[in-house]
Amino acid sequence: MRHTEFWERMELALGSAYAKAWAGQFVMADLGGRTAAEALDAGVPPKQVWAAVWRALDLPASDR
Protein backbone atom coordinates (compact mmCIF):
# COMPACT_ATOMS: atom_id res chain seq x y z
CA MET A 1 0.00 0.00 0.00
CA ARG A 2 1.26 3.47 -0.85
CA HIS A 3 0.82 6.57 1.25
CA THR A 4 -1.72 7.91 -1.22
CA GLU A 5 -3.89 4.81 -0.83
CA PHE A 6 -3.60 5.05 2.95
CA TRP A 7 -4.87 8.64 2.91
CA GLU A 8 -7.65 7.77 0.46
CA ARG A 9 -8.83 5.04 2.84
CA MET A 10 -8.61 7.42 5.78
CA GLU A 11 -10.77 9.96 3.97
CA LEU A 12 -13.32 7.30 3.06
CA ALA A 13 -13.48 6.12 6.67
CA LEU A 14 -13.50 9.50 8.41
CA GLY A 15 -14.21 12.14 5.80
CA SER A 16 -11.75 14.49 4.18
CA ALA A 17 -12.09 17.17 6.87
CA TYR A 18 -11.42 14.84 9.81
CA ALA A 19 -8.98 12.22 8.50
CA LYS A 20 -5.77 14.27 8.89
CA ALA A 21 -6.80 15.60 12.30
CA TRP A 22 -7.60 12.12 13.61
CA ALA A 23 -4.37 10.70 12.19
CA GLY A 24 -2.40 13.39 13.99
CA GLN A 25 -4.15 13.13 17.36
CA PHE A 26 -5.27 9.56 18.08
CA VAL A 27 -2.51 7.58 19.79
CA MET A 28 -2.53 3.81 19.23
CA ALA A 29 -0.77 1.16 21.29
CA ASP A 30 -0.53 -0.98 18.13
CA LEU A 31 1.81 1.68 16.73
CA GLY A 32 4.03 1.88 19.78
CA GLY A 33 2.15 4.74 21.39
CA ARG A 34 2.25 6.87 18.25
CA THR A 35 -0.38 8.44 16.08
CA ALA A 36 -0.86 7.25 12.51
CA ALA A 37 0.89 10.37 11.23
CA GLU A 38 3.86 9.86 13.58
CA ALA A 39 4.13 6.21 12.60
CA LEU A 40 4.15 7.07 8.90
CA ASP A 41 6.76 9.78 9.49
CA ALA A 42 8.89 7.24 11.38
CA GLY A 43 8.86 4.89 8.39
CA VAL A 44 6.23 2.38 9.48
CA PRO A 45 4.73 0.89 6.29
CA PRO A 46 1.34 2.39 5.41
CA LYS A 47 -0.20 -1.10 5.28
CA GLN A 48 0.78 -1.69 8.91
CA VAL A 49 -0.52 1.73 9.95
CA TRP A 50 -3.80 1.10 8.12
CA ALA A 51 -4.20 -2.23 9.94
CA ALA A 52 -3.88 -0.41 13.27
CA VAL A 53 -6.34 2.27 12.17
CA TRP A 54 -8.76 -0.39 10.93
CA ARG A 55 -8.70 -2.09 14.34
CA ALA A 56 -8.94 1.18 16.29
CA LEU A 57 -11.97 2.35 14.31
CA ASP A 58 -13.55 -1.12 14.31
CA LEU A 59 -14.16 -0.83 10.58
CA PRO A 60 -15.94 -3.57 8.62
CA ALA A 61 -13.91 -6.43 7.18
CA SER A 62 -14.57 -5.09 3.68
CA ASP A 63 -12.39 -2.06 4.53
CA ARG A 64 -9.45 -4.16 5.59
PDB file of N, CA and C in Angstrom:
ATOM      1  N   MET A   1       0.843  -1.171   0.000  1.00  0.00           N
ATOM      2  CA  MET A   1       0.000   0.000   0.000  1.00  0.00           C
ATOM      3  C   MET A   1       0.897   1.246   0.000  1.00  0.00           C
ATOM      4  N   ARG A   2       0.522   2.202  -0.797  1.00  0.00           N
ATOM      5  CA  ARG A   2       1.258   3.470  -0.850  1.00  0.00           C
ATOM      6  C   ARG A   2       0.617   4.480   0.095  1.00  0.00           C
ATOM      7  N   HIS A   3       1.342   5.522   0.376  1.00  0.00           N
ATOM      8  CA  HIS A   3       0.821   6.574   1.254  1.00  0.00           C
ATOM      9  C   HIS A   3      -0.470   7.169   0.685  1.00  0.00           C
ATOM     10  N   THR A   4      -0.520   7.335  -0.624  1.00  0.00           N
ATOM     11  CA  THR A   4      -1.724   7.912  -1.223  1.00  0.00           C
ATOM     12  C   THR A   4      -2.941   7.026  -0.981  1.00  0.00           C
ATOM     13  N   GLU A   5      -2.763   5.718  -1.090  1.00  0.00           N
ATOM     14  CA  GLU A   5      -3.888   4.814  -0.828  1.00  0.00           C
ATOM     15  C   GLU A   5      -4.282   4.861   0.645  1.00  0.00           C
ATOM     16  N   PHE A   6      -3.300   4.937   1.523  1.00  0.00           N
ATOM     17  CA  PHE A   6      -3.596   5.052   2.945  1.00  0.00           C
ATOM     18  C   PHE A   6      -4.488   6.265   3.201  1.00  0.00           C
ATOM     19  N   TRP A   7      -4.099   7.420   2.658  1.00  0.00           N
ATOM     20  CA  TRP A   7      -4.867   8.643   2.907  1.00  0.00           C
ATOM     21  C   TRP A   7      -6.236   8.595   2.237  1.00  0.00           C
ATOM     22  N   GLU A   8      -6.337   7.944   1.093  1.00  0.00           N
ATOM     23  CA  GLU A   8      -7.649   7.773   0.461  1.00  0.00           C
ATOM     24  C   GLU A   8      -8.568   6.957   1.363  1.00  0.00           C
ATOM     25  N   ARG A   9      -8.033   5.883   1.933  1.00  0.00           N
ATOM     26  CA  ARG A   9      -8.831   5.044   2.841  1.00  0.00           C
ATOM     27  C   ARG A   9      -9.222   5.817   4.094  1.00  0.00           C
ATOM     28  N   MET A  10      -8.300   6.613   4.602  1.00  0.00           N
ATOM     29  CA  MET A  10      -8.611   7.425   5.781  1.00  0.00           C
ATOM     30  C   MET A  10      -9.760   8.384   5.489  1.00  0.00           C
ATOM     31  N   GLU A  11      -9.718   9.026   4.332  1.00  0.00           N
ATOM     32  CA  GLU A  11     -10.775   9.965   3.969  1.00  0.00           C
ATOM     33  C   GLU A  11     -12.105   9.262   3.763  1.00  0.00           C
ATOM     34  N   LEU A  12     -12.081   8.065   3.207  1.00  0.00           N
ATOM     35  CA  LEU A  12     -13.323   7.303   3.056  1.00  0.00           C
ATOM     36  C   LEU A  12     -13.898   6.909   4.415  1.00  0.00           C
ATOM     37  N   ALA A  13     -13.033   6.567   5.352  1.00  0.00           N
ATOM     38  CA  ALA A  13     -13.481   6.119   6.667  1.00  0.00           C
ATOM     39  C   ALA A  13     -13.946   7.276   7.552  1.00  0.00           C
ATOM     40  N   LEU A  14     -13.244   8.411   7.470  1.00  0.00           N
ATOM     41  CA  LEU A  14     -13.497   9.505   8.410  1.00  0.00           C
ATOM     42  C   LEU A  14     -13.958  10.808   7.775  1.00  0.00           C
ATOM     43  N   GLY A  15     -13.883  10.887   6.475  1.00  0.00           N
ATOM     44  CA  GLY A  15     -14.207  12.138   5.798  1.00  0.00           C
ATOM     45  C   GLY A  15     -12.952  12.966   5.591  1.00  0.00           C
ATOM     46  N   SER A  16     -12.959  13.738   4.543  1.00  0.00           N
ATOM     47  CA  SER A  16     -11.749  14.486   4.183  1.00  0.00           C
ATOM     48  C   SER A  16     -11.392  15.547   5.218  1.00  0.00           C
ATOM     49  N   ALA A  17     -12.374  16.115   5.889  1.00  0.00           N
ATOM     50  CA  ALA A  17     -12.090  17.168   6.866  1.00  0.00           C
ATOM     51  C   ALA A  17     -11.499  16.619   8.163  1.00  0.00           C
ATOM     52  N   TYR A  18     -11.810  15.384   8.515  1.00  0.00           N
ATOM     53  CA  TYR A  18     -11.422  14.841   9.813  1.00  0.00           C
ATOM     54  C   TYR A  18     -10.247  13.862   9.755  1.00  0.00           C
ATOM     55  N   ALA A  19      -9.989  13.282   8.612  1.00  0.00           N
ATOM     56  CA  ALA A  19      -8.979  12.221   8.499  1.00  0.00           C
ATOM     57  C   ALA A  19      -7.599  12.666   8.976  1.00  0.00           C
ATOM     58  N   LYS A  20      -7.120  13.796   8.519  1.00  0.00           N
ATOM     59  CA  LYS A  20      -5.772  14.269   8.886  1.00  0.00           C
ATOM     60  C   LYS A  20      -5.715  14.620  10.373  1.00  0.00           C
ATOM     61  N   ALA A  21      -6.780  15.238  10.879  1.00  0.00           N
ATOM     62  CA  ALA A  21      -6.797  15.602  12.296  1.00  0.00           C
ATOM     63  C   ALA A  21      -6.753  14.354  13.168  1.00  0.00           C
ATOM     64  N   TRP A  22      -7.570  13.367  12.838  1.00  0.00           N
ATOM     65  CA  TRP A  22      -7.604  12.124  13.612  1.00  0.00           C
ATOM     66  C   TRP A  22      -6.245  11.441  13.558  1.00  0.00           C
ATOM     67  N   ALA A  23      -5.666  11.370  12.367  1.00  0.00           N
ATOM     68  CA  ALA A  23      -4.368  10.701  12.191  1.00  0.00           C
ATOM     69  C   ALA A  23      -3.260  11.384  12.986  1.00  0.00           C
ATOM     70  N   GLY A  24      -3.408  12.655  13.247  1.00  0.00           N
ATOM     71  CA  GLY A  24      -2.402  13.393  13.990  1.00  0.00           C
ATOM     72  C   GLY A  24      -2.643  13.456  15.481  1.00  0.00           C
ATOM     73  N   GLN A  25      -3.817  12.991  15.944  1.00  0.00           N
ATOM     74  CA  GLN A  25      -4.147  13.134  17.362  1.00  0.00           C
ATOM     75  C   GLN A  25      -4.404  11.825  18.097  1.00  0.00           C
ATOM     76  N   PHE A  26      -4.872  10.800  17.407  1.00  0.00           N
ATOM     77  CA  PHE A  26      -5.274   9.560  18.075  1.00  0.00           C
ATOM     78  C   PHE A  26      -4.075   8.640  18.238  1.00  0.00           C
ATOM     79  N   VAL A  27      -3.674   8.411  19.476  1.00  0.00           N
ATOM     80  CA  VAL A  27      -2.509   7.580  19.790  1.00  0.00           C
ATOM     81  C   VAL A  27      -2.945   6.124  19.887  1.00  0.00           C
ATOM     82  N   MET A  28      -2.183   5.232  19.249  1.00  0.00           N
ATOM     83  CA  MET A  28      -2.529   3.808  19.231  1.00  0.00           C
ATOM     84  C   MET A  28      -1.393   2.967  19.806  1.00  0.00           C
ATOM     85  N   ALA A  29      -1.754   2.085  20.712  1.00  0.00           N
ATOM     86  CA  ALA A  29      -0.773   1.160  21.291  1.00  0.00           C
ATOM     87  C   ALA A  29      -0.177   0.261  20.214  1.00  0.00           C
ATOM     88  N   ASP A  30      -1.003  -0.110  19.222  1.00  0.00           N
ATOM     89  CA  ASP A  30      -0.529  -0.975  18.134  1.00  0.00           C
ATOM     90  C   ASP A  30       0.607  -0.335  17.333  1.00  0.00           C
ATOM     91  N   LEU A  31       0.749   0.965  17.456  1.00  0.00           N
ATOM     92  CA  LEU A  31       1.811   1.679  16.728  1.00  0.00           C
ATOM     93  C   LEU A  31       2.885   2.180  17.690  1.00  0.00           C
ATOM     94  N   GLY A  32       3.001   1.511  18.826  1.00  0.00           N
ATOM     95  CA  GLY A  32       4.034   1.880  19.782  1.00  0.00           C
ATOM     96  C   GLY A  32       3.769   3.191  20.497  1.00  0.00           C
ATOM     97  N   GLY A  33       2.497   3.502  20.707  1.00  0.00           N
ATOM     98  CA  GLY A  33       2.149   4.745  21.387  1.00  0.00           C
ATOM     99  C   GLY A  33       2.288   5.971  20.504  1.00  0.00           C
ATOM    100  N   ARG A  34       2.159   5.761  19.212  1.00  0.00           N
ATOM    101  CA  ARG A  34       2.248   6.868  18.251  1.00  0.00           C
ATOM    102  C   ARG A  34       0.916   7.056  17.550  1.00  0.00           C
ATOM    103  N   THR A  35       0.768   8.210  16.948  1.00  0.00           N
ATOM    104  CA  THR A  35      -0.376   8.442  16.078  1.00  0.00           C
ATOM    105  C   THR A  35      -0.064   7.842  14.705  1.00  0.00           C
ATOM    106  N   ALA A  36      -1.075   7.753  13.874  1.00  0.00           N
ATOM    107  CA  ALA A  36      -0.861   7.248  12.512  1.00  0.00           C
ATOM    108  C   ALA A  36       0.139   8.135  11.767  1.00  0.00           C
ATOM    109  N   ALA A  37      -0.009   9.440  11.918  1.00  0.00           N
ATOM    110  CA  ALA A  37       0.894  10.367  11.234  1.00  0.00           C
ATOM    111  C   ALA A  37       2.326  10.203  11.724  1.00  0.00           C
ATOM    112  N   GLU A  38       2.513  10.058  13.035  1.00  0.00           N
ATOM    113  CA  GLU A  38       3.857   9.865  13.582  1.00  0.00           C
ATOM    114  C   GLU A  38       4.461   8.554  13.098  1.00  0.00           C
ATOM    115  N   ALA A  39       3.642   7.516  13.055  1.00  0.00           N
ATOM    116  CA  ALA A  39       4.134   6.211  12.600  1.00  0.00           C
ATOM    117  C   ALA A  39       4.573   6.287  11.140  1.00  0.00           C
ATOM    118  N   LEU A  40       3.775   6.921  10.310  1.00  0.00           N
ATOM    119  CA  LEU A  40       4.148   7.070   8.896  1.00  0.00           C
ATOM    120  C   LEU A  40       5.447   7.861   8.764  1.00  0.00           C
ATOM    121  N   ASP A  41       5.550   8.946   9.529  1.00  0.00           N
ATOM    122  CA  ASP A  41       6.764   9.777   9.488  1.00  0.00           C
ATOM    123  C   ASP A  41       7.993   9.005   9.957  1.00  0.00           C
ATOM    124  N   ALA A  42       7.774   8.035  10.855  1.00  0.00           N
ATOM    125  CA  ALA A  42       8.886   7.237  11.384  1.00  0.00           C
ATOM    126  C   ALA A  42       9.255   6.080  10.464  1.00  0.00           C
ATOM    127  N   GLY A  43       8.521   5.929   9.349  1.00  0.00           N
ATOM    128  CA  GLY A  43       8.859   4.894   8.385  1.00  0.00           C
ATOM    129  C   GLY A  43       8.088   3.599   8.516  1.00  0.00           C
ATOM    130  N   VAL A  44       7.064   3.581   9.384  1.00  0.00           N
ATOM    131  CA  VAL A  44       6.231   2.383   9.484  1.00  0.00           C
ATOM    132  C   VAL A  44       5.464   2.255   8.168  1.00  0.00           C
ATOM    133  N   PRO A  45       5.431   1.062   7.573  1.00  0.00           N
ATOM    134  CA  PRO A  45       4.733   0.895   6.295  1.00  0.00           C
ATOM    135  C   PRO A  45       3.254   1.279   6.390  1.00  0.00           C
ATOM    136  N   PRO A  46       2.735   1.983   5.390  1.00  0.00           N
ATOM    137  CA  PRO A  46       1.336   2.394   5.407  1.00  0.00           C
ATOM    138  C   PRO A  46       0.363   1.235   5.621  1.00  0.00           C
ATOM    139  N   LYS A  47       0.680   0.066   5.103  1.00  0.00           N
ATOM    140  CA  LYS A  47      -0.203  -1.097   5.281  1.00  0.00           C
ATOM    141  C   LYS A  47      -0.321  -1.453   6.763  1.00  0.00           C
ATOM    142  N   GLN A  48       0.780  -1.389   7.478  1.00  0.00           N
ATOM    143  CA  GLN A  48       0.780  -1.690   8.909  1.00  0.00           C
ATOM    144  C   GLN A  48       0.014  -0.610   9.687  1.00  0.00           C
ATOM    145  N   VAL A  49       0.192   0.636   9.297  1.00  0.00           N
ATOM    146  CA  VAL A  49      -0.524   1.733   9.949  1.00  0.00           C
ATOM    147  C   VAL A  49      -2.020   1.599   9.680  1.00  0.00           C
ATOM    148  N   TRP A  50      -2.389   1.273   8.437  1.00  0.00           N
ATOM    149  CA  TRP A  50      -3.798   1.097   8.118  1.00  0.00           C
ATOM    150  C   TRP A  50      -4.402  -0.030   8.951  1.00  0.00           C
ATOM    151  N   ALA A  51      -3.691  -1.121   9.134  1.00  0.00           N
ATOM    152  CA  ALA A  51      -4.203  -2.233   9.936  1.00  0.00           C
ATOM    153  C   ALA A  51      -4.502  -1.768  11.360  1.00  0.00           C
ATOM    154  N   ALA A  52      -3.646  -0.939  11.920  1.00  0.00           N
ATOM    155  CA  ALA A  52      -3.876  -0.411  13.271  1.00  0.00           C
ATOM    156  C   ALA A  52      -5.081   0.524  13.289  1.00  0.00           C
ATOM    157  N   VAL A  53      -5.193   1.364  12.274  1.00  0.00           N
ATOM    158  CA  VAL A  53      -6.339   2.273  12.170  1.00  0.00           C
ATOM    159  C   VAL A  53      -7.623   1.467  12.025  1.00  0.00           C
ATOM    160  N   TRP A  54      -7.586   0.467  11.179  1.00  0.00           N
ATOM    161  CA  TRP A  54      -8.756  -0.386  10.933  1.00  0.00           C
ATOM    162  C   TRP A  54      -9.252  -1.005  12.242  1.00  0.00           C
ATOM    163  N   ARG A  55      -8.324  -1.499  13.044  1.00  0.00           N
ATOM    164  CA  ARG A  55      -8.698  -2.088  14.339  1.00  0.00           C
ATOM    165  C   ARG A  55      -9.218  -1.022  15.299  1.00  0.00           C
ATOM    166  N   ALA A  56      -8.555   0.116  15.358  1.00  0.00           N
ATOM    167  CA  ALA A  56      -8.940   1.178  16.290  1.00  0.00           C
ATOM    168  C   ALA A  56     -10.336   1.717  15.992  1.00  0.00           C
ATOM    169  N   LEU A  57     -10.665   1.821  14.710  1.00  0.00           N
ATOM    170  CA  LEU A  57     -11.970   2.349  14.310  1.00  0.00           C
ATOM    171  C   LEU A  57     -13.037   1.268  14.222  1.00  0.00           C
ATOM    172  N   ASP A  58     -12.625   0.010  14.397  1.00  0.00           N
ATOM    173  CA  ASP A  58     -13.554  -1.124  14.308  1.00  0.00           C
ATOM    174  C   ASP A  58     -14.333  -1.073  12.986  1.00  0.00           C
ATOM    175  N   LEU A  59     -13.568  -0.917  11.913  1.00  0.00           N
ATOM    176  CA  LEU A  59     -14.161  -0.829  10.584  1.00  0.00           C
ATOM    177  C   LEU A  59     -14.582  -2.213  10.090  1.00  0.00           C
ATOM    178  N   PRO A  60     -15.512  -2.268   9.145  1.00  0.00           N
ATOM    179  CA  PRO A  60     -15.943  -3.572   8.621  1.00  0.00           C
ATOM    180  C   PRO A  60     -14.818  -4.302   7.889  1.00  0.00           C
ATOM    181  N   ALA A  61     -14.932  -5.603   7.833  1.00  0.00           N
ATOM    182  CA  ALA A  61     -13.914  -6.433   7.178  1.00  0.00           C
ATOM    183  C   ALA A  61     -13.695  -6.019   5.727  1.00  0.00           C
ATOM    184  N   SER A  62     -14.708  -5.516   5.085  1.00  0.00           N
ATOM    185  CA  SER A  62     -14.574  -5.093   3.682  1.00  0.00           C
ATOM    186  C   SER A  62     -13.600  -3.930   3.516  1.00  0.00           C
ATOM    187  N   ASP A  63     -13.326  -3.192   4.587  1.00  0.00           N
ATOM    188  CA  ASP A  63     -12.395  -2.060   4.530  1.00  0.00           C
ATOM    189  C   ASP A  63     -10.967  -2.450   4.870  1.00  0.00           C
ATOM    190  N   ARG A  64     -10.772  -3.708   5.182  1.00  0.00           N
ATOM    191  CA  ARG A  64      -9.455  -4.161   5.594  1.00  0.00           C
ATOM    192  C   ARG A  64      -8.517  -4.101   4.435  1.00  0.00           C
TER     193      ARG A  64
END
